């Protein structure tokens, strides 16, 4: 329907509101994408860390020679070169 005198209704406020909503949606999508990217980078870093330190976890600092492993009952470790 036209206006009171046959002119077109003023929709500038609605168009401005719609443009503002679209901008807010675009900003929210960009932020969500950035958050997801950051989370994926953190997870990848954790996976790399676990893969790189896997063998180091097995080497205990409590033993004098961590590479020799753990001695169990009934087994003896052959003497290494020494005095």
Protein backbone atom coordinates (compact mmCIF):
# COMPACT_ATOMS: atom_id res chain seq x y z
CA UNK A 1 0.00 0.00 0.00
CA UNK A 2 1.06 3.48 -0.65
CA UNK A 3 1.36 6.29 1.81
CA UNK A 4 -1.42 8.67 2.75
CA UNK A 5 -1.02 10.62 -0.46
CA UNK A 6 -0.07 7.71 -2.75
CA UNK A 7 3.73 7.89 -2.19
CA UNK A 8 5.98 4.96 -1.24
CA UNK A 9 6.39 4.24 2.49
CA UNK A 10 9.67 5.20 4.19
CA UNK A 11 11.67 1.98 4.74
CA UNK A 12 15.05 3.56 5.41
CA UNK A 13 14.96 2.68 9.13
CA UNK A 14 14.15 -0.96 8.39
CA UNK A 15 16.87 -1.14 5.73
CA UNK A 16 19.39 0.37 8.14
CA UNK A 17 18.40 -2.11 10.84
CA UNK A 18 18.72 -5.01 8.39
CA UNK A 19 22.17 -3.81 7.29
CA UNK A 20 23.26 -3.56 10.93
CA UNK A 21 22.02 -7.11 11.64
CA UNK A 22 23.90 -8.46 8.62
CA UNK A 23 27.10 -6.73 9.77
CA UNK A 24 26.71 -8.17 13.29
CA UNK A 25 26.18 -11.66 11.85
CA UNK A 26 29.27 -11.33 9.66
CA UNK A 27 31.32 -10.17 12.66
CA UNK A 28 30.04 -13.06 14.80
CA UNK A 29 30.89 -15.59 12.06
CA UNK A 30 34.40 -14.15 11.71
CA UNK A 31 34.95 -14.35 15.47
CA UNK A 32 33.66 -17.94 15.59
CA UNK A 33 36.00 -18.90 12.75
CA UNK A 34 38.95 -17.27 14.54
CA UNK A 35 38.09 -19.03 17.82
CA UNK A 36 37.88 -22.37 16.02
CA UNK A 37 41.22 -21.77 14.32
CA UNK A 38 42.84 -20.94 17.67
CA UNK A 39 41.39 -24.08 19.27
CA UNK A 40 42.65 -26.25 16.39
CA UNK A 41 46.13 -24.73 16.71
CA UNK A 42 46.16 -25.48 20.44
CA UNK A 43 45.05 -29.06 19.86
CA UNK A 44 47.68 -29.55 17.15
CA UNK A 45 50.34 -28.19 19.50
CA UNK A 46 49.28 -30.63 22.20
CA UNK A 47 49.43 -33.54 19.75
CA UNK A 48 52.92 -32.49 18.63
CA UNK A 49 54.00 -32.14 22.24
CA UNK A 50 52.74 -35.60 23.16
CA UNK A 51 54.39 -37.16 20.12
CA UNK A 52 57.72 -35.44 20.76
CA UNK A 53 57.88 -36.12 24.49
CA UNK A 54 56.58 -39.68 24.44
CA UNK A 55 60.02 -41.27 24.73
CA UNK A 56 61.26 -38.68 27.20
CA UNK A 57 58.51 -39.57 29.66
CA UNK A 58 59.91 -43.09 29.82
CA UNK A 59 63.37 -41.83 30.75
CA UNK A 60 63.27 -41.21 34.48
CA UNK A 61 65.54 -38.67 36.11
CA UNK A 62 65.50 -40.80 39.28
CA UNK A 63 67.89 -43.38 37.79
CA UNK A 64 71.55 -42.73 37.27
CA UNK A 65 71.41 -44.05 33.73
CA UNK A 66 67.81 -43.75 32.44
CA UNK A 67 68.57 -45.54 29.18
CA UNK A 68 69.24 -48.84 30.97
CA UNK A 69 65.57 -49.25 31.86
CA UNK A 70 63.95 -50.60 34.97
CA UNK A 71 65.39 -53.61 36.72
CA UNK A 72 62.78 -56.13 37.82
CA UNK A 73 63.09 -58.75 40.53
CA UNK A 74 65.16 -61.77 39.51
CA UNK A 75 66.97 -60.05 36.66
CA UNK A 76 70.31 -58.45 36.65
CA UNK A 77 71.64 -55.78 34.41
CA UNK A 78 75.01 -56.67 32.89
CA UNK A 79 77.74 -54.39 34.18
CA UNK A 80 78.71 -51.61 31.87
CA UNK A 81 82.33 -50.69 31.32
CA UNK A 82 83.70 -49.15 34.42
CA UNK A 83 86.37 -49.64 37.03
